[in-house]
Amino acid sequence: MNSPRTTLYRDKQNAKLMGVCSGIADYTGVNAFWVRLGALFMLPLTSGFVIPAYFITGMLLNKKPPHLYVDQEEQQYWQRVRQSPKRTAREIRARMRDVDRRLAEVETYYVTSNPRLSSEIERLR
């Protein structure tokens, strides 16, 4: 049930070499510069294991589809989903509660000013 928007891709549009670091940056929402800097920092710590891991990852990952996100806001939304799905679900629930509250206020306004509508709603319950 993996959505294409929650999958790690190589980002060839912002790539320097194969697009692995820019894909990780897109996936996590971190700036690509910091991901690349982290990869360089890991180079001596892992005795060069980062280099073959980079190329293997570059061969295994699919390219990012060109029209994966409609706009920047959608891209940021999916990055938040990948970072913390529970928090994102809470935010959506809070927004829906707010919409429900506002709709209830509108309904109350129209029902109190229209007794015929109020009786019809009560009859339907």
N, C-alpha and C. Protein backbone atom coordinates (compact mmCIF):
# COMPACT_ATOMS: atom_id res chain seq x y z
N MET A 1 0.82 -1.19 0.00
CA MET A 1 0.00 0.00 0.00
C MET A 1 0.87 1.25 0.00
N ASN A 2 2.05 1.15 -0.56
CA ASN A 2 2.92 2.30 -0.64
C ASN A 2 2.43 3.25 -1.72
N SER A 3 2.18 4.47 -1.32
CA SER A 3 1.81 5.51 -2.27
C SER A 3 3.07 5.94 -3.01
N PRO A 4 2.96 6.33 -4.29
CA PRO A 4 4.15 6.81 -4.98
C PRO A 4 4.76 8.04 -4.29
N ARG A 5 3.96 8.73 -3.49
CA ARG A 5 4.47 9.93 -2.83
C ARG A 5 5.20 9.62 -1.53
N THR A 6 5.16 8.37 -1.08
CA THR A 6 5.88 8.00 0.14
C THR A 6 7.03 7.06 -0.17
N THR A 7 7.48 7.03 -1.40
CA THR A 7 8.56 6.17 -1.83
C THR A 7 9.82 7.01 -2.05
N LEU A 8 10.96 6.43 -1.74
CA LEU A 8 12.24 7.10 -1.96
C LEU A 8 12.62 6.96 -3.43
N TYR A 9 12.95 8.07 -4.05
CA TYR A 9 13.35 8.10 -5.46
C TYR A 9 14.70 8.79 -5.60
N ARG A 10 15.34 8.58 -6.76
CA ARG A 10 16.48 9.41 -7.14
C ARG A 10 15.89 10.67 -7.77
N ASP A 11 16.37 11.81 -7.38
CA ASP A 11 15.87 13.07 -7.91
C ASP A 11 16.87 13.60 -8.94
N LYS A 12 16.66 13.25 -10.20
CA LYS A 12 17.60 13.63 -11.25
C LYS A 12 17.53 15.12 -11.59
N GLN A 13 16.43 15.78 -11.27
CA GLN A 13 16.30 17.20 -11.58
C GLN A 13 17.26 18.05 -10.76
N ASN A 14 17.51 17.65 -9.52
CA ASN A 14 18.39 18.41 -8.62
C ASN A 14 19.69 17.67 -8.36
N ALA A 15 20.03 16.71 -9.22
CA ALA A 15 21.18 15.83 -8.98
C ALA A 15 22.50 16.50 -9.28
N LYS A 16 23.52 16.04 -8.59
CA LYS A 16 24.90 16.40 -8.91
C LYS A 16 25.59 15.22 -9.61
N LEU A 17 25.29 14.00 -9.17
CA LEU A 17 25.88 12.82 -9.78
C LEU A 17 24.77 11.87 -10.25
N MET A 18 24.21 11.11 -9.34
CA MET A 18 23.14 10.16 -9.70
C MET A 18 21.78 10.57 -9.13
N GLY A 19 21.76 11.52 -8.24
CA GLY A 19 20.50 11.98 -7.67
C GLY A 19 20.11 11.31 -6.37
N VAL A 20 21.01 10.53 -5.77
CA VAL A 20 20.68 9.83 -4.53
C VAL A 20 20.53 10.82 -3.38
N CYS A 21 21.51 11.69 -3.21
CA CYS A 21 21.45 12.66 -2.10
C CYS A 21 20.26 13.61 -2.26
N SER A 22 20.00 14.06 -3.49
CA SER A 22 18.86 14.95 -3.69
C SER A 22 17.55 14.19 -3.50
N GLY A 23 17.53 12.90 -3.80
CA GLY A 23 16.34 12.09 -3.53
C GLY A 23 16.10 11.93 -2.04
N ILE A 24 17.16 11.70 -1.30
CA ILE A 24 17.04 11.60 0.17
C ILE A 24 16.59 12.94 0.73
N ALA A 25 17.13 14.02 0.18
CA ALA A 25 16.73 15.36 0.64
C ALA A 25 15.25 15.61 0.36
N ASP A 26 14.80 15.22 -0.81
CA ASP A 26 13.38 15.38 -1.15
C ASP A 26 12.51 14.53 -0.25
N TYR A 27 12.95 13.33 0.04
CA TYR A 27 12.18 12.40 0.88
C TYR A 27 12.05 12.91 2.31
N THR A 28 13.15 13.45 2.84
CA THR A 28 13.14 13.87 4.24
C THR A 28 12.76 15.32 4.46
N GLY A 29 12.87 16.15 3.42
CA GLY A 29 12.57 17.57 3.57
C GLY A 29 13.76 18.37 4.02
N VAL A 30 14.93 17.74 4.06
CA VAL A 30 16.17 18.42 4.44
C VAL A 30 16.78 19.01 3.17
N ASN A 31 17.50 20.10 3.30
CA ASN A 31 18.17 20.71 2.16
C ASN A 31 19.21 19.73 1.61
N ALA A 32 19.29 19.62 0.29
CA ALA A 32 20.21 18.68 -0.37
C ALA A 32 21.66 18.97 0.01
N PHE A 33 22.00 20.22 0.24
CA PHE A 33 23.37 20.58 0.65
C PHE A 33 23.76 19.83 1.92
N TRP A 34 22.85 19.78 2.89
CA TRP A 34 23.17 19.13 4.17
C TRP A 34 23.27 17.63 4.02
N VAL A 35 22.46 17.05 3.15
CA VAL A 35 22.56 15.60 2.91
C VAL A 35 23.90 15.28 2.25
N ARG A 36 24.28 16.07 1.27
CA ARG A 36 25.57 15.86 0.60
C ARG A 36 26.74 16.05 1.58
N LEU A 37 26.63 17.07 2.41
CA LEU A 37 27.67 17.31 3.41
C LEU A 37 27.75 16.14 4.39
N GLY A 38 26.61 15.62 4.79
CA GLY A 38 26.58 14.46 5.68
C GLY A 38 27.21 13.23 5.04
N ALA A 39 26.97 13.05 3.73
CA ALA A 39 27.58 11.92 3.02
C ALA A 39 29.10 12.07 2.98
N LEU A 40 29.57 13.30 2.74
CA LEU A 40 31.01 13.53 2.75
C LEU A 40 31.61 13.33 4.14
N PHE A 41 30.88 13.72 5.17
CA PHE A 41 31.34 13.55 6.54
C PHE A 41 31.41 12.06 6.91
N MET A 42 30.48 11.27 6.36
CA MET A 42 30.45 9.84 6.64
C MET A 42 31.53 9.07 5.90
N LEU A 43 32.10 9.66 4.86
CA LEU A 43 33.12 8.99 4.04
C LEU A 43 34.30 8.47 4.87
N PRO A 44 34.98 9.31 5.67
CA PRO A 44 36.10 8.76 6.45
C PRO A 44 35.63 7.91 7.63
N LEU A 45 34.45 8.19 8.16
CA LEU A 45 33.97 7.42 9.31
C LEU A 45 33.61 5.98 8.95
N THR A 46 33.25 5.75 7.69
CA THR A 46 32.85 4.40 7.27
C THR A 46 33.92 3.75 6.41
N SER A 47 35.13 4.31 6.40
CA SER A 47 36.25 3.79 5.61
C SER A 47 35.90 3.67 4.14
N GLY A 48 35.17 4.63 3.63
CA GLY A 48 34.83 4.66 2.21
C GLY A 48 33.64 3.82 1.80
N PHE A 49 32.95 3.21 2.74
CA PHE A 49 31.79 2.37 2.41
C PHE A 49 30.66 3.19 1.80
N VAL A 50 30.66 4.49 2.02
CA VAL A 50 29.60 5.35 1.50
C VAL A 50 29.62 5.36 -0.03
N ILE A 51 30.79 5.27 -0.63
CA ILE A 51 30.89 5.37 -2.09
C ILE A 51 30.20 4.19 -2.78
N PRO A 52 30.54 2.92 -2.45
CA PRO A 52 29.80 1.83 -3.10
C PRO A 52 28.33 1.82 -2.71
N ALA A 53 28.01 2.21 -1.47
CA ALA A 53 26.61 2.25 -1.05
C ALA A 53 25.84 3.28 -1.88
N TYR A 54 26.49 4.39 -2.18
CA TYR A 54 25.87 5.44 -2.99
C TYR A 54 25.54 4.90 -4.39
N PHE A 55 26.52 4.24 -5.01
CA PHE A 55 26.30 3.75 -6.37
C PHE A 55 25.30 2.60 -6.41
N ILE A 56 25.34 1.73 -5.42
CA ILE A 56 24.35 0.64 -5.36
C ILE A 56 22.95 1.22 -5.18
N THR A 57 22.83 2.18 -4.28
CA THR A 57 21.53 2.84 -4.07
C THR A 57 21.08 3.54 -5.34
N GLY A 58 22.01 4.19 -6.02
CA GLY A 58 21.69 4.87 -7.27
C GLY A 58 21.17 3.92 -8.34
N MET A 59 21.69 2.69 -8.35
CA MET A 59 21.21 1.71 -9.33
C MET A 59 19.88 1.08 -8.93
N LEU A 60 19.63 0.97 -7.63
CA LEU A 60 18.42 0.30 -7.16
C LEU A 60 17.19 1.22 -7.15
N LEU A 61 17.39 2.49 -6.87
CA LEU A 61 16.25 3.40 -6.77
C LEU A 61 15.72 3.79 -8.14
N ASN A 62 14.42 3.95 -8.22
CA ASN A 62 13.79 4.45 -9.45
C ASN A 62 13.94 5.96 -9.52
N LYS A 63 13.84 6.50 -10.74
CA LYS A 63 13.86 7.95 -10.91
C LYS A 63 12.54 8.53 -10.41
N LYS A 64 12.62 9.71 -9.87
CA LYS A 64 11.42 10.40 -9.39
C LYS A 64 10.55 10.76 -10.59
N PRO A 65 9.25 10.41 -10.55
CA PRO A 65 8.36 10.79 -11.65
C PRO A 65 8.31 12.31 -11.80
N PRO A 66 8.25 12.80 -13.04
CA PRO A 66 8.35 14.26 -13.26
C PRO A 66 7.20 15.06 -12.64
N HIS A 67 6.02 14.50 -12.56
CA HIS A 67 4.87 15.25 -12.03
C HIS A 67 4.31 14.57 -10.79
N LEU A 68 5.21 14.26 -9.85
CA LEU A 68 4.80 13.58 -8.63
C LEU A 68 3.96 14.48 -7.73
N TYR A 69 4.35 15.76 -7.65
CA TYR A 69 3.63 16.72 -6.82
C TYR A 69 3.04 17.81 -7.71
N VAL A 70 1.86 18.29 -7.34
CA VAL A 70 1.22 19.35 -8.10
C VAL A 70 1.93 20.68 -7.87
N ASP A 71 2.25 20.95 -6.60
CA ASP A 71 2.92 22.21 -6.28
C ASP A 71 3.80 22.01 -5.05
N GLN A 72 4.45 23.08 -4.63
CA GLN A 72 5.36 23.04 -3.49
C GLN A 72 4.64 22.69 -2.19
N GLU A 73 3.41 23.16 -2.04
CA GLU A 73 2.65 22.88 -0.83
C GLU A 73 2.37 21.38 -0.69
N GLU A 74 2.03 20.73 -1.80
CA GLU A 74 1.78 19.29 -1.77
C GLU A 74 3.07 18.53 -1.44
N GLN A 75 4.18 18.98 -1.97
CA GLN A 75 5.46 18.34 -1.68
C GLN A 75 5.78 18.43 -0.19
N GLN A 76 5.57 19.60 0.40
CA GLN A 76 5.83 19.77 1.83
C GLN A 76 4.88 18.92 2.66
N TYR A 77 3.62 18.79 2.23
CA TYR A 77 2.67 17.96 2.95
C TYR A 77 3.15 16.52 2.99
N TRP A 78 3.58 15.96 1.85
CA TRP A 78 4.02 14.57 1.81
C TRP A 78 5.33 14.37 2.55
N GLN A 79 6.17 15.39 2.61
CA GLN A 79 7.38 15.29 3.42
C GLN A 79 7.01 15.19 4.89
N ARG A 80 6.02 15.97 5.32
CA ARG A 80 5.56 15.88 6.72
C ARG A 80 4.95 14.52 7.00
N VAL A 81 4.21 13.96 6.04
CA VAL A 81 3.62 12.63 6.22
C VAL A 81 4.72 11.60 6.41
N ARG A 82 5.77 11.68 5.60
CA ARG A 82 6.86 10.72 5.72
C ARG A 82 7.61 10.89 7.03
N GLN A 83 7.76 12.12 7.51
CA GLN A 83 8.49 12.36 8.74
C GLN A 83 7.70 11.92 9.96
N SER A 84 6.43 12.23 10.00
CA SER A 84 5.61 11.90 11.17
C SER A 84 4.16 11.70 10.76
N PRO A 85 3.81 10.48 10.36
CA PRO A 85 2.43 10.23 9.92
C PRO A 85 1.39 10.50 11.01
N LYS A 86 1.72 10.16 12.25
CA LYS A 86 0.75 10.36 13.34
C LYS A 86 0.46 11.84 13.55
N ARG A 87 1.52 12.65 13.52
CA ARG A 87 1.33 14.09 13.71
C ARG A 87 0.50 14.68 12.57
N THR A 88 0.78 14.24 11.35
CA THR A 88 0.04 14.72 10.20
C THR A 88 -1.43 14.32 10.30
N ALA A 89 -1.69 13.10 10.73
CA ALA A 89 -3.07 12.66 10.91
C ALA A 89 -3.77 13.49 11.98
N ARG A 90 -3.06 13.82 13.06
CA ARG A 90 -3.64 14.68 14.10
C ARG A 90 -3.98 16.06 13.54
N GLU A 91 -3.07 16.60 12.71
CA GLU A 91 -3.32 17.91 12.11
C GLU A 91 -4.55 17.88 11.21
N ILE A 92 -4.70 16.82 10.44
CA ILE A 92 -5.86 16.70 9.55
C ILE A 92 -7.13 16.56 10.36
N ARG A 93 -7.09 15.73 11.43
CA ARG A 93 -8.27 15.60 12.29
C ARG A 93 -8.64 16.93 12.91
N ALA A 94 -7.65 17.71 13.34
CA ALA A 94 -7.92 19.02 13.94
C ALA A 94 -8.56 19.95 12.91
N ARG A 95 -8.07 19.91 11.67
CA ARG A 95 -8.67 20.74 10.63
C ARG A 95 -10.11 20.32 10.36
N MET A 96 -10.35 19.03 10.32
CA MET A 96 -11.71 18.54 10.06
C MET A 96 -12.65 18.90 11.22
N ARG A 97 -12.15 18.83 12.46
CA ARG A 97 -12.98 19.26 13.60
C ARG A 97 -13.33 20.73 13.48
N ASP A 98 -12.35 21.54 13.04
CA ASP A 98 -12.59 22.96 12.86
C ASP A 98 -13.64 23.19 11.77
N VAL A 99 -13.53 22.48 10.67
CA VAL A 99 -14.52 22.60 9.59
C VAL A 99 -15.89 22.16 10.09
N ASP A 100 -15.95 21.06 10.84
CA ASP A 100 -17.21 20.57 11.39
C ASP A 100 -17.83 21.60 12.34
N ARG A 101 -16.99 22.21 13.18
CA ARG A 101 -17.49 23.23 14.12
C ARG A 101 -18.07 24.42 13.36
N ARG A 102 -17.35 24.87 12.31
CA ARG A 102 -17.85 26.01 11.54
C ARG A 102 -19.14 25.68 10.80
N LEU A 103 -19.23 24.46 10.27
CA LEU A 103 -20.48 24.05 9.61
C LEU A 103 -21.63 23.99 10.61
N ALA A 104 -21.35 23.53 11.82
CA ALA A 104 -22.38 23.49 12.85
C ALA A 104 -22.85 24.90 13.20
N GLU A 105 -21.91 25.84 13.23
CA GLU A 105 -22.29 27.23 13.50
C GLU A 105 -23.18 27.78 12.38
N VAL A 106 -22.84 27.48 11.13
CA VAL A 106 -23.65 27.93 10.00
C VAL A 106 -25.03 27.29 10.07
N GLU A 107 -25.05 25.99 10.36
CA GLU A 107 -26.34 25.30 10.47
C GLU A 107 -27.19 25.90 11.58
N THR A 108 -26.57 26.16 12.72
CA THR A 108 -27.31 26.76 13.84
C THR A 108 -27.86 28.12 13.46
N TYR A 109 -27.08 28.91 12.77
CA TYR A 109 -27.53 30.23 12.35
C TYR A 109 -28.76 30.13 11.44
N TYR A 110 -28.69 29.26 10.44
CA TYR A 110 -29.81 29.16 9.51
C TYR A 110 -31.02 28.48 10.12
N VAL A 111 -30.80 27.52 11.01
CA VAL A 111 -31.93 26.81 11.62
C VAL A 111 -32.67 27.71 12.60
N THR A 112 -31.93 28.50 13.37
CA THR A 112 -32.60 29.36 14.35
C THR A 112 -33.38 30.47 13.67
N SER A 113 -32.95 30.86 12.47
CA SER A 113 -33.68 31.93 11.80
C SER A 113 -34.79 31.38 10.89
N ASN A 114 -34.88 30.06 10.76
CA ASN A 114 -35.88 29.46 9.89
C ASN A 114 -36.55 28.30 10.63
N PRO A 115 -37.69 28.54 11.30
CA PRO A 115 -38.34 27.49 12.08
C PRO A 115 -38.81 26.30 11.22
N ARG A 116 -39.20 26.57 9.99
CA ARG A 116 -39.64 25.48 9.11
C ARG A 116 -38.48 24.52 8.80
N LEU A 117 -37.31 25.07 8.54
CA LEU A 117 -36.12 24.26 8.30
C LEU A 117 -35.75 23.49 9.56
N SER A 118 -35.87 24.14 10.71
CA SER A 118 -35.55 23.48 11.97
C SER A 118 -36.45 22.28 12.21
N SER A 119 -37.72 22.41 11.95
CA SER A 119 -38.65 21.29 12.16
C SER A 119 -38.37 20.17 11.15
N GLU A 120 -38.00 20.51 9.94
CA GLU A 120 -37.68 19.50 8.93
C GLU A 120 -36.42 18.70 9.31
N ILE A 121 -35.42 19.39 9.86
CA ILE A 121 -34.20 18.70 10.31
C ILE A 121 -34.52 17.79 11.47
N GLU A 122 -35.32 18.25 12.40
CA GLU A 122 -35.70 17.42 13.54
C GLU A 122 -36.50 16.20 13.10
N ARG A 123 -37.34 16.38 12.08
CA ARG A 123 -38.11 15.25 11.57
C ARG A 123 -37.20 14.20 10.94
N LEU A 124 -36.15 14.63 10.29
CA LEU A 124 -35.22 13.69 9.65
C LEU A 124 -34.34 12.94 10.63
N ARG A 125 -34.16 13.45 11.82
CA ARG A 125 -33.33 12.76 12.83
C ARG A 125 -34.10 11.66 13.39
